[in-house]
Amino acid sequence: MRQIKKRNGQIVDFSEDKITNAMRKAFLAMNVSVNDELLREITKQVALDIETAFPEAVPSVEHVQDRVEFALMRGGFHEVAKHYIVYRYEH
């Protein structure tokens, strides 16, 4: 996956770092300890999931965020996922 569609409709380059940083902020906000290796692993899972779901299409930010929520829940980080969902809803 090389590109992503922003909320304003603009197509921009995809950056896994943005996923990692968003998750890091959610973990920090919930005072849950997390290391960079785990964040990278979850990010890779999300990127692979998106590539599989959208092999020919450009996914939206919302599609990526949905996958992040699922990955956090699959990893057992339910409170972090909940915070991520609420933050996403508010913004």
PDB file of N, CA and C in Angstrom:
ATOM      1  N   MET A   1       0.855  -1.169   0.000  1.00  0.00           N
ATOM      2  CA  MET A   1       0.000   0.000   0.000  1.00  0.00           C
ATOM      3  C   MET A   1       0.898   1.228   0.000  1.00  0.00           C
ATOM      4  N   ARG A   2       0.580   2.112  -0.879  1.00  0.00           N
ATOM      5  CA  ARG A   2       1.441   3.282  -1.014  1.00  0.00           C
ATOM      6  C   ARG A   2       0.721   4.585  -0.722  1.00  0.00           C
ATOM      7  N   GLN A   3      -0.609   4.565  -0.831  1.00  0.00           N
ATOM      8  CA  GLN A   3      -1.354   5.800  -0.637  1.00  0.00           C
ATOM      9  C   GLN A   3      -2.560   5.573   0.258  1.00  0.00           C
ATOM     10  N   ILE A   4      -3.090   6.695   0.758  1.00  0.00           N
ATOM     11  CA  ILE A   4      -4.261   6.667   1.621  1.00  0.00           C
ATOM     12  C   ILE A   4      -5.102   7.898   1.317  1.00  0.00           C
ATOM     13  N   LYS A   5      -6.402   7.740   1.457  1.00  0.00           N
ATOM     14  CA  LYS A   5      -7.321   8.848   1.203  1.00  0.00           C
ATOM     15  C   LYS A   5      -7.685   9.515   2.525  1.00  0.00           C
ATOM     16  N   LYS A   6      -7.355  10.794   2.628  1.00  0.00           N
ATOM     17  CA  LYS A   6      -7.655  11.549   3.838  1.00  0.00           C
ATOM     18  C   LYS A   6      -9.141  11.901   3.883  1.00  0.00           C
ATOM     19  N   ARG A   7      -9.595  12.407   5.033  1.00  0.00           N
ATOM     20  CA  ARG A   7     -11.006  12.752   5.200  1.00  0.00           C
ATOM     21  C   ARG A   7     -11.463  13.828   4.222  1.00  0.00           C
ATOM     22  N   ASN A   8     -10.553  14.712   3.826  1.00  0.00           N
ATOM     23  CA  ASN A   8     -10.912  15.776   2.896  1.00  0.00           C
ATOM     24  C   ASN A   8     -10.882  15.309   1.443  1.00  0.00           C
ATOM     25  N   GLY A   9     -10.607  14.033   1.224  1.00  0.00           N
ATOM     26  CA  GLY A   9     -10.587  13.458  -0.108  1.00  0.00           C
ATOM     27  C   GLY A   9      -9.225  13.449  -0.774  1.00  0.00           C
ATOM     28  N   GLN A  10      -8.272  14.124  -0.173  1.00  0.00           N
ATOM     29  CA  GLN A  10      -6.921  14.190  -0.729  1.00  0.00           C
ATOM     30  C   GLN A  10      -6.230  12.830  -0.623  1.00  0.00           C
ATOM     31  N   ILE A  11      -5.531  12.437  -1.675  1.00  0.00           N
ATOM     32  CA  ILE A  11      -4.753  11.203  -1.688  1.00  0.00           C
ATOM     33  C   ILE A  11      -3.305  11.575  -1.342  1.00  0.00           C
ATOM     34  N   VAL A  12      -2.770  10.929  -0.299  1.00  0.00           N
ATOM     35  CA  VAL A  12      -1.411  11.230   0.152  1.00  0.00           C
ATOM     36  C   VAL A  12      -0.633   9.920   0.312  1.00  0.00           C
ATOM     37  N   ASP A  13       0.665  10.047   0.458  1.00  0.00           N
ATOM     38  CA  ASP A  13       1.502   8.875   0.704  1.00  0.00           C
ATOM     39  C   ASP A  13       1.153   8.245   2.040  1.00  0.00           C
ATOM     40  N   PHE A  14       1.123   6.929   2.068  1.00  0.00           N
ATOM     41  CA  PHE A  14       0.852   6.183   3.291  1.00  0.00           C
ATOM     42  C   PHE A  14       2.106   6.131   4.153  1.00  0.00           C
ATOM     43  N   SER A  15       1.926   6.311   5.458  1.00  0.00           N
ATOM     44  CA  SER A  15       3.047   6.255   6.390  1.00  0.00           C
ATOM     45  C   SER A  15       2.681   5.372   7.579  1.00  0.00           C
ATOM     46  N   GLU A  16       3.404   4.267   7.721  1.00  0.00           N
ATOM     47  CA  GLU A  16       3.171   3.389   8.869  1.00  0.00           C
ATOM     48  C   GLU A  16       3.494   4.106  10.174  1.00  0.00           C
ATOM     49  N   ASP A  17       4.404   5.075  10.126  1.00  0.00           N
ATOM     50  CA  ASP A  17       4.769   5.812  11.338  1.00  0.00           C
ATOM     51  C   ASP A  17       3.564   6.515  11.965  1.00  0.00           C
ATOM     52  N   LYS A  18       2.633   6.963  11.144  1.00  0.00           N
ATOM     53  CA  LYS A  18       1.453   7.641  11.681  1.00  0.00           C
ATOM     54  C   LYS A  18       0.589   6.676  12.491  1.00  0.00           C
ATOM     55  N   ILE A  19       0.506   5.438  12.048  1.00  0.00           N
ATOM     56  CA  ILE A  19      -0.242   4.419  12.797  1.00  0.00           C
ATOM     57  C   ILE A  19       0.462   4.162  14.127  1.00  0.00           C
ATOM     58  N   THR A  20       1.754   3.951  14.064  1.00  0.00           N
ATOM     59  CA  THR A  20       2.535   3.679  15.272  1.00  0.00           C
ATOM     60  C   THR A  20       2.404   4.819  16.268  1.00  0.00           C
ATOM     61  N   ASN A  21       2.524   6.048  15.809  1.00  0.00           N
ATOM     62  CA  ASN A  21       2.445   7.200  16.704  1.00  0.00           C
ATOM     63  C   ASN A  21       1.054   7.362  17.319  1.00  0.00           C
ATOM     64  N   ALA A  22       0.016   7.112  16.544  1.00  0.00           N
ATOM     65  CA  ALA A  22      -1.344   7.212  17.073  1.00  0.00           C
ATOM     66  C   ALA A  22      -1.569   6.167  18.168  1.00  0.00           C
ATOM     67  N   MET A  23      -1.085   4.953  17.933  1.00  0.00           N
ATOM     68  CA  MET A  23      -1.235   3.916  18.961  1.00  0.00           C
ATOM     69  C   MET A  23      -0.408   4.255  20.194  1.00  0.00           C
ATOM     70  N   ARG A  24       0.802   4.763  19.995  1.00  0.00           N
ATOM     71  CA  ARG A  24       1.654   5.141  21.128  1.00  0.00           C
ATOM     72  C   ARG A  24       0.928   6.161  22.011  1.00  0.00           C
ATOM     73  N   LYS A  25       0.288   7.134  21.390  1.00  0.00           N
ATOM     74  CA  LYS A  25      -0.453   8.158  22.135  1.00  0.00           C
ATOM     75  C   LYS A  25      -1.610   7.545  22.913  1.00  0.00           C
ATOM     76  N   ALA A  26      -2.294   6.583  22.319  1.00  0.00           N
ATOM     77  CA  ALA A  26      -3.406   5.925  23.003  1.00  0.00           C
ATOM     78  C   ALA A  26      -2.909   5.134  24.215  1.00  0.00           C
ATOM     79  N   PHE A  27      -1.801   4.418  24.061  1.00  0.00           N
ATOM     80  CA  PHE A  27      -1.221   3.679  25.185  1.00  0.00           C
ATOM     81  C   PHE A  27      -0.796   4.642  26.294  1.00  0.00           C
ATOM     82  N   LEU A  28      -0.143   5.721  25.915  1.00  0.00           N
ATOM     83  CA  LEU A  28       0.304   6.700  26.909  1.00  0.00           C
ATOM     84  C   LEU A  28      -0.878   7.332  27.636  1.00  0.00           C
ATOM     85  N   ALA A  29      -1.928   7.666  26.908  1.00  0.00           N
ATOM     86  CA  ALA A  29      -3.104   8.286  27.508  1.00  0.00           C
ATOM     87  C   ALA A  29      -3.764   7.374  28.542  1.00  0.00           C
ATOM     88  N   MET A  30      -3.622   6.072  28.343  1.00  0.00           N
ATOM     89  CA  MET A  30      -4.216   5.106  29.269  1.00  0.00           C
ATOM     90  C   MET A  30      -3.200   4.610  30.302  1.00  0.00           C
ATOM     91  N   ASN A  31      -1.996   5.184  30.288  1.00  0.00           N
ATOM     92  CA  ASN A  31      -0.924   4.769  31.202  1.00  0.00           C
ATOM     93  C   ASN A  31      -0.627   3.275  31.112  1.00  0.00           C
ATOM     94  N   VAL A  32      -0.648   2.767  29.892  1.00  0.00           N
ATOM     95  CA  VAL A  32      -0.334   1.363  29.639  1.00  0.00           C
ATOM     96  C   VAL A  32       1.044   1.306  28.991  1.00  0.00           C
ATOM     97  N   SER A  33       1.916   0.550  29.601  1.00  0.00           N
ATOM     98  CA  SER A  33       3.282   0.418  29.096  1.00  0.00           C
ATOM     99  C   SER A  33       3.291  -0.372  27.786  1.00  0.00           C
ATOM    100  N   VAL A  34       4.070   0.125  26.826  1.00  0.00           N
ATOM    101  CA  VAL A  34       4.203  -0.556  25.544  1.00  0.00           C
ATOM    102  C   VAL A  34       5.592  -0.263  24.994  1.00  0.00           C
ATOM    103  N   ASN A  35       6.177  -1.251  24.338  1.00  0.00           N
ATOM    104  CA  ASN A  35       7.501  -1.021  23.746  1.00  0.00           C
ATOM    105  C   ASN A  35       7.380  -0.835  22.238  1.00  0.00           C
ATOM    106  N   ASP A  36       8.422  -0.276  21.658  1.00  0.00           N
ATOM    107  CA  ASP A  36       8.415   0.022  20.225  1.00  0.00           C
ATOM    108  C   ASP A  36       8.261  -1.230  19.377  1.00  0.00           C
ATOM    109  N   GLU A  37       8.822  -2.335  19.834  1.00  0.00           N
ATOM    110  CA  GLU A  37       8.721  -3.582  19.070  1.00  0.00           C
ATOM    111  C   GLU A  37       7.268  -4.024  18.924  1.00  0.00           C
ATOM    112  N   LEU A  38       6.495  -3.962  20.006  1.00  0.00           N
ATOM    113  CA  LEU A  38       5.085  -4.339  19.950  1.00  0.00           C
ATOM    114  C   LEU A  38       4.311  -3.379  19.052  1.00  0.00           C
ATOM    115  N   LEU A  39       4.594  -2.088  19.165  1.00  0.00           N
ATOM    116  CA  LEU A  39       3.909  -1.116  18.314  1.00  0.00           C
ATOM    117  C   LEU A  39       4.199  -1.387  16.836  1.00  0.00           C
ATOM    118  N   ARG A  40       5.450  -1.691  16.524  1.00  0.00           N
ATOM    119  CA  ARG A  40       5.803  -2.003  15.125  1.00  0.00           C
ATOM    120  C   ARG A  40       5.098  -3.275  14.652  1.00  0.00           C
ATOM    121  N   GLU A  41       5.010  -4.262  15.536  1.00  0.00           N
ATOM    122  CA  GLU A  41       4.346  -5.516  15.178  1.00  0.00           C
ATOM    123  C   GLU A  41       2.859  -5.279  14.872  1.00  0.00           C
ATOM    124  N   ILE A  42       2.190  -4.533  15.726  1.00  0.00           N
ATOM    125  CA  ILE A  42       0.771  -4.236  15.496  1.00  0.00           C
ATOM    126  C   ILE A  42       0.613  -3.417  14.217  1.00  0.00           C
ATOM    127  N   THR A  43       1.503  -2.455  14.011  1.00  0.00           N
ATOM    128  CA  THR A  43       1.454  -1.633  12.795  1.00  0.00           C
ATOM    129  C   THR A  43       1.588  -2.502  11.561  1.00  0.00           C
ATOM    130  N   LYS A  44       2.509  -3.445  11.579  1.00  0.00           N
ATOM    131  CA  LYS A  44       2.703  -4.347  10.432  1.00  0.00           C
ATOM    132  C   LYS A  44       1.448  -5.186  10.187  1.00  0.00           C
ATOM    133  N   GLN A  45       0.795  -5.629  11.277  1.00  0.00           N
ATOM    134  CA  GLN A  45      -0.441  -6.392  11.136  1.00  0.00           C
ATOM    135  C   GLN A  45      -1.518  -5.548  10.461  1.00  0.00           C
ATOM    136  N   VAL A  46      -1.624  -4.296  10.893  1.00  0.00           N
ATOM    137  CA  VAL A  46      -2.621  -3.386  10.317  1.00  0.00           C
ATOM    138  C   VAL A  46      -2.320  -3.163   8.832  1.00  0.00           C
ATOM    139  N   ALA A  47      -1.066  -2.892   8.500  1.00  0.00           N
ATOM    140  CA  ALA A  47      -0.692  -2.643   7.104  1.00  0.00           C
ATOM    141  C   ALA A  47      -0.985  -3.863   6.231  1.00  0.00           C
ATOM    142  N   LEU A  48      -0.667  -5.045   6.724  1.00  0.00           N
ATOM    143  CA  LEU A  48      -0.941  -6.267   5.975  1.00  0.00           C
ATOM    144  C   LEU A  48      -2.440  -6.468   5.791  1.00  0.00           C
ATOM    145  N   ASP A  49      -3.203  -6.219   6.839  1.00  0.00           N
ATOM    146  CA  ASP A  49      -4.656  -6.351   6.770  1.00  0.00           C
ATOM    147  C   ASP A  49      -5.236  -5.397   5.722  1.00  0.00           C
ATOM    148  N   ILE A  50      -4.744  -4.173   5.705  1.00  0.00           N
ATOM    149  CA  ILE A  50      -5.219  -3.182   4.731  1.00  0.00           C
ATOM    150  C   ILE A  50      -4.842  -3.602   3.309  1.00  0.00           C
ATOM    151  N   GLU A  51      -3.616  -4.059   3.140  1.00  0.00           N
ATOM    152  CA  GLU A  51      -3.172  -4.497   1.804  1.00  0.00           C
ATOM    153  C   GLU A  51      -4.014  -5.660   1.298  1.00  0.00           C
ATOM    154  N   THR A  52      -4.377  -6.553   2.197  1.00  0.00           N
ATOM    155  CA  THR A  52      -5.203  -7.703   1.829  1.00  0.00           C
ATOM    156  C   THR A  52      -6.624  -7.266   1.483  1.00  0.00           C
ATOM    157  N   ALA A  53      -7.174  -6.345   2.272  1.00  0.00           N
ATOM    158  CA  ALA A  53      -8.552  -5.902   2.070  1.00  0.00           C
ATOM    159  C   ALA A  53      -8.698  -4.962   0.872  1.00  0.00           C
ATOM    160  N   PHE A  54      -7.641  -4.230   0.542  1.00  0.00           N
ATOM    161  CA  PHE A  54      -7.700  -3.247  -0.537  1.00  0.00           C
ATOM    162  C   PHE A  54      -6.529  -3.445  -1.515  1.00  0.00           C
ATOM    163  N   PRO A  55      -6.513  -4.579  -2.215  1.00  0.00           N
ATOM    164  CA  PRO A  55      -5.366  -4.850  -3.081  1.00  0.00           C
ATOM    165  C   PRO A  55      -5.242  -3.877  -4.257  1.00  0.00           C
ATOM    166  N   GLU A  56      -6.344  -3.354  -4.733  1.00  0.00           N
ATOM    167  CA  GLU A  56      -6.321  -2.473  -5.903  1.00  0.00           C
ATOM    168  C   GLU A  56      -6.806  -1.058  -5.588  1.00  0.00           C
ATOM    169  N   ALA A  57      -7.477  -0.872  -4.469  1.00  0.00           N
ATOM    170  CA  ALA A  57      -8.078   0.425  -4.135  1.00  0.00           C
ATOM    171  C   ALA A  57      -7.219   1.183  -3.129  1.00  0.00           C
ATOM    172  N   VAL A  58      -7.469   2.477  -3.039  1.00  0.00           N
ATOM    173  CA  VAL A  58      -6.805   3.313  -2.052  1.00  0.00           C
ATOM    174  C   VAL A  58      -7.705   3.356  -0.819  1.00  0.00           C
ATOM    175  N   PRO A  59      -7.239   2.847   0.316  1.00  0.00           N
ATOM    176  CA  PRO A  59      -8.074   2.855   1.521  1.00  0.00           C
ATOM    177  C   PRO A  59      -8.175   4.263   2.106  1.00  0.00           C
ATOM    178  N   SER A  60      -9.218   4.471   2.876  1.00  0.00           N
ATOM    179  CA  SER A  60      -9.387   5.757   3.543  1.00  0.00           C
ATOM    180  C   SER A  60      -8.764   5.704   4.938  1.00  0.00           C
ATOM    181  N   VAL A  61      -8.598   6.848   5.525  1.00  0.00           N
ATOM    182  CA  VAL A  61      -8.109   6.937   6.900  1.00  0.00           C
ATOM    183  C   VAL A  61      -9.020   6.128   7.817  1.00  0.00           C
ATOM    184  N   GLU A  62     -10.327   6.204   7.579  1.00  0.00           N
ATOM    185  CA  GLU A  62     -11.275   5.466   8.418  1.00  0.00           C
ATOM    186  C   GLU A  62     -11.062   3.960   8.322  1.00  0.00           C
ATOM    187  N   HIS A  63     -10.758   3.477   7.124  1.00  0.00           N
ATOM    188  CA  HIS A  63     -10.486   2.038   6.966  1.00  0.00           C
ATOM    189  C   HIS A  63      -9.278   1.634   7.807  1.00  0.00           C
ATOM    190  N   VAL A  64      -8.244   2.440   7.770  1.00  0.00           N
ATOM    191  CA  VAL A  64      -7.040   2.138   8.542  1.00  0.00           C
ATOM    192  C   VAL A  64      -7.357   2.185  10.033  1.00  0.00           C
ATOM    193  N   GLN A  65      -8.070   3.210  10.470  1.00  0.00           N
ATOM    194  CA  GLN A  65      -8.395   3.327  11.891  1.00  0.00           C
ATOM    195  C   GLN A  65      -9.253   2.163  12.371  1.00  0.00           C
ATOM    196  N   ASP A  66     -10.170   1.697  11.538  1.00  0.00           N
ATOM    197  CA  ASP A  66     -10.961   0.507  11.893  1.00  0.00           C
ATOM    198  C   ASP A  66     -10.042  -0.679  12.156  1.00  0.00           C
ATOM    199  N   ARG A  67      -9.048  -0.865  11.287  1.00  0.00           N
ATOM    200  CA  ARG A  67      -8.125  -1.987  11.435  1.00  0.00           C
ATOM    201  C   ARG A  67      -7.261  -1.843  12.678  1.00  0.00           C
ATOM    202  N   VAL A  68      -6.899  -0.603  13.015  1.00  0.00           N
ATOM    203  CA  VAL A  68      -6.123  -0.375  14.240  1.00  0.00           C
ATOM    204  C   VAL A  68      -6.950  -0.786  15.462  1.00  0.00           C
ATOM    205  N   GLU A  69      -8.201  -0.397  15.493  1.00  0.00           N
ATOM    206  CA  GLU A  69      -9.078  -0.774  16.609  1.00  0.00           C
ATOM    207  C   GLU A  69      -9.137  -2.291  16.764  1.00  0.00           C
ATOM    208  N   PHE A  70      -9.354  -2.989  15.661  1.00  0.00           N
ATOM    209  CA  PHE A  70      -9.441  -4.451  15.705  1.00  0.00           C
ATOM    210  C   PHE A  70      -8.123  -5.070  16.168  1.00  0.00           C
ATOM    211  N   ALA A  71      -7.011  -4.537  15.679  1.00  0.00           N
ATOM    212  CA  ALA A  71      -5.701  -5.077  16.061  1.00  0.00           C
ATOM    213  C   ALA A  71      -5.442  -4.873  17.549  1.00  0.00           C
ATOM    214  N   LEU A  72      -5.818  -3.728  18.076  1.00  0.00           N
ATOM    215  CA  LEU A  72      -5.640  -3.487  19.514  1.00  0.00           C
ATOM    216  C   LEU A  72      -6.493  -4.456  20.331  1.00  0.00           C
ATOM    217  N   MET A  73      -7.721  -4.663  19.897  1.00  0.00           N
ATOM    218  CA  MET A  73      -8.606  -5.585  20.624  1.00  0.00           C
ATOM    219  C   MET A  73      -8.096  -7.021  20.527  1.00  0.00           C
ATOM    220  N   ARG A  74      -7.640  -7.428  19.333  1.00  0.00           N
ATOM    221  CA  ARG A  74      -7.088  -8.785  19.170  1.00  0.00           C
ATOM    222  C   ARG A  74      -5.884  -8.990  20.080  1.00  0.00           C
ATOM    223  N   GLY A  75      -5.136  -7.918  20.307  1.00  0.00           N
ATOM    224  CA  GLY A  75      -3.964  -8.002  21.172  1.00  0.00           C
ATOM    225  C   GLY A  75      -4.299  -7.957  22.649  1.00  0.00           C
ATOM    226  N   GLY A  76      -5.596  -7.817  22.964  1.00  0.00           N
ATOM    227  CA  GLY A  76      -6.021  -7.791  24.364  1.00  0.00           C
ATOM    228  C   GLY A  76      -5.946  -6.406  24.996  1.00  0.00           C
ATOM    229  N   PHE A  77      -5.723  -5.386  24.206  1.00  0.00           N
ATOM    230  CA  PHE A  77      -5.618  -4.019  24.716  1.00  0.00           C
ATOM    231  C   PHE A  77      -6.962  -3.311  24.588  1.00  0.00           C
ATOM    232  N   HIS A  78      -7.955  -3.840  25.276  1.00  0.00           N
ATOM    233  CA  HIS A  78      -9.325  -3.349  25.136  1.00  0.00           C
ATOM    234  C   HIS A  78      -9.496  -1.911  25.621  1.00  0.00           C
ATOM    235  N   GLU A  79      -8.882  -1.559  26.736  1.00  0.00           N
ATOM    236  CA  GLU A  79      -9.006  -0.196  27.252  1.00  0.00           C
ATOM    237  C   GLU A  79      -8.317   0.803  26.325  1.00  0.00           C
ATOM    238  N   VAL A  80      -7.202   0.417  25.774  1.00  0.00           N
ATOM    239  CA  VAL A  80      -6.491   1.283  24.824  1.00  0.00           C
ATOM    240  C   VAL A  80      -7.340   1.446  23.566  1.00  0.00           C
ATOM    241  N   ALA A  81      -7.919   0.357  23.087  1.00  0.00           N
ATOM    242  CA  ALA A  81      -8.791   0.417  21.909  1.00  0.00           C
ATOM    243  C   ALA A  81      -9.991   1.311  22.185  1.00  0.00           C
ATOM    244  N   LYS A  82     -10.539   1.201  23.372  1.00  0.00           N
ATOM    245  CA  LYS A  82     -11.686   2.032  23.748  1.00  0.00           C
ATOM    246  C   LYS A  82     -11.308   3.513  23.716  1.00  0.00           C
ATOM    247  N   HIS A  83     -10.149   3.841  24.270  1.00  0.00           N
ATOM    248  CA  HIS A  83      -9.682   5.227  24.240  1.00  0.00           C
ATOM    249  C   HIS A  83      -9.486   5.683  22.792  1.00  0.00           C
ATOM    250  N   TYR A  84      -8.895   4.843  21.982  1.00  0.00           N
ATOM    251  CA  TYR A  84      -8.648   5.147  20.562  1.00  0.00           C
ATOM    252  C   TYR A  84      -9.977   5.417  19.854  1.00  0.00           C
ATOM    253  N   ILE A  85     -10.989   4.610  20.137  1.00  0.00           N
ATOM    254  CA  ILE A  85     -12.309   4.763  19.521  1.00  0.00           C
ATOM    255  C   ILE A  85     -12.955   6.077  19.945  1.00  0.00           C
ATOM    256  N   VAL A  86     -12.905   6.371  21.239  1.00  0.00           N
ATOM    257  CA  VAL A  86     -13.515   7.601  21.751  1.00  0.00           C
ATOM    258  C   VAL A  86     -12.810   8.831  21.183  1.00  0.00           C
ATOM    259  N   TYR A  87     -11.484   8.804  21.163  1.00  0.00           N
ATOM    260  CA  TYR A  87     -10.714   9.917  20.616  1.00  0.00           C
ATOM    261  C   TYR A  87     -11.078  10.114  19.144  1.00  0.00           C
ATOM    262  N   ARG A  88     -11.159   9.028  18.433  1.00  0.00           N
ATOM    263  CA  ARG A  88     -11.496   9.085  17.007  1.00  0.00           C
ATOM    264  C   ARG A  88     -12.881   9.685  16.811  1.00  0.00           C
ATOM    265  N   TYR A  89     -13.843   9.279  17.632  1.00  0.00           N
ATOM    266  CA  TYR A  89     -15.205   9.793  17.542  1.00  0.00           C
ATOM    267  C   TYR A  89     -15.249  11.295  17.807  1.00  0.00           C
ATOM    268  N   GLU A  90     -14.487  11.730  18.795  1.00  0.00           N
ATOM    269  CA  GLU A  90     -14.493  13.146  19.168  1.00  0.00           C
ATOM    270  C   GLU A  90     -13.836  14.027  18.114  1.00  0.00           C
ATOM    271  N   HIS A  91     -12.961  13.433  17.289  1.00  0.00           N
ATOM    272  CA  HIS A  91     -12.259  14.245  16.290  1.00  0.00           C
ATOM    273  C   HIS A  91     -12.717  13.911  14.901  1.00  0.00           C
TER     274      HIS A  91
END
